[in-house]
Amino acid sequence: TFRLPRDPNFSFAAFYALLAERGFLIYPGKLATAPSFRIGCIGAIDEGDIARALAAVRDSLGALGVASGAP
């Protein structure tokens, strides 16, 4: 579970769509009291999968103009 960035350029819907375009699906955080999203995994993953996921997050935040992912 990750807290949502406070950056005014951040939009969960847009972030979700950009990650989906890159082959990654996230879920809105329903278990935390703070605005958040979750990343899950079904099946085996390796270091390359994690690197691709992190690159997709970085690129998606950049596309939104989010300067900081800080909550």
Protein backbone atom coordinates (compact mmCIF):
# COMPACT_ATOMS: atom_id res chain seq x y z
CA THR A 1 0.00 0.00 0.00
CA PHE A 2 1.31 3.44 -1.00
CA ARG A 3 -0.02 6.84 0.02
CA LEU A 4 -1.13 9.07 -2.83
CA PRO A 5 1.13 11.98 -3.73
CA ARG A 6 -0.05 15.38 -2.48
CA ASP A 7 1.09 17.06 -5.70
CA PRO A 8 -1.85 18.99 -7.22
CA ASN A 9 -1.07 17.48 -10.64
CA PHE A 10 -1.75 13.97 -9.35
CA SER A 11 -4.99 12.31 -10.42
CA PHE A 12 -5.61 8.71 -9.41
CA ALA A 13 -7.76 8.07 -12.49
CA ALA A 14 -5.08 9.41 -14.85
CA PHE A 15 -2.31 7.56 -12.97
CA TYR A 16 -4.32 4.34 -13.16
CA ALA A 17 -4.86 4.77 -16.92
CA LEU A 18 -1.19 5.51 -17.61
CA LEU A 19 -0.05 2.46 -15.65
CA ALA A 20 -2.65 0.28 -17.38
CA GLU A 21 -1.32 1.44 -20.76
CA ARG A 22 2.06 0.16 -19.60
CA GLY A 23 0.65 -3.21 -18.54
CA PHE A 24 0.29 -2.63 -14.78
CA LEU A 25 -2.95 -2.47 -12.82
CA ILE A 26 -3.22 -0.90 -9.38
CA TYR A 27 -6.09 -0.83 -6.92
CA PRO A 28 -7.46 2.04 -4.86
CA GLY A 29 -6.52 1.61 -1.22
CA LYS A 30 -9.61 0.52 0.68
CA LEU A 31 -7.94 -0.77 3.82
CA ALA A 32 -5.99 2.33 4.81
CA THR A 33 -7.51 5.45 6.32
CA ALA A 34 -5.26 7.70 4.21
CA PRO A 35 -5.77 8.09 0.44
CA SER A 36 -3.68 5.31 -1.06
CA PHE A 37 -3.28 2.69 -3.75
CA ARG A 38 -2.14 -0.90 -3.65
CA ILE A 39 0.08 -3.02 -5.82
CA GLY A 40 -0.44 -6.75 -5.75
CA CYS A 41 0.95 -9.75 -7.57
CA ILE A 42 -0.51 -13.00 -8.79
CA GLY A 43 2.18 -15.43 -9.79
CA ALA A 44 5.94 -15.35 -9.85
CA ILE A 45 7.79 -12.08 -10.41
CA ASP A 46 11.46 -11.36 -10.81
CA GLU A 47 13.81 -8.41 -10.54
CA GLY A 48 13.04 -7.37 -14.12
CA ASP A 49 9.31 -7.21 -13.36
CA ILE A 50 9.97 -4.93 -10.40
CA ALA A 51 12.26 -2.71 -12.49
CA ARG A 52 9.57 -2.41 -15.20
CA ALA A 53 6.90 -1.59 -12.60
CA LEU A 54 9.06 1.11 -11.01
CA ALA A 55 9.86 2.57 -14.45
CA ALA A 56 6.13 2.63 -15.28
CA VAL A 57 5.37 4.47 -12.02
CA ARG A 58 8.19 6.96 -12.64
CA ASP A 59 7.16 7.57 -16.25
CA SER A 60 3.48 7.87 -15.37
CA LEU A 61 4.12 10.39 -12.61
CA GLY A 62 6.36 12.32 -15.01
CA ALA A 63 3.64 12.33 -17.67
CA LEU A 64 1.25 13.85 -15.12
CA GLY A 65 3.79 16.51 -14.17
CA VAL A 66 4.02 15.24 -10.59
CA ALA A 67 7.20 16.72 -9.14
CA SER A 68 7.24 14.57 -6.02
CA GLY A 69 5.62 11.31 -5.07
CA ALA A 70 5.73 12.33 -1.41
CA PRO A 71 2.48 11.79 0.51
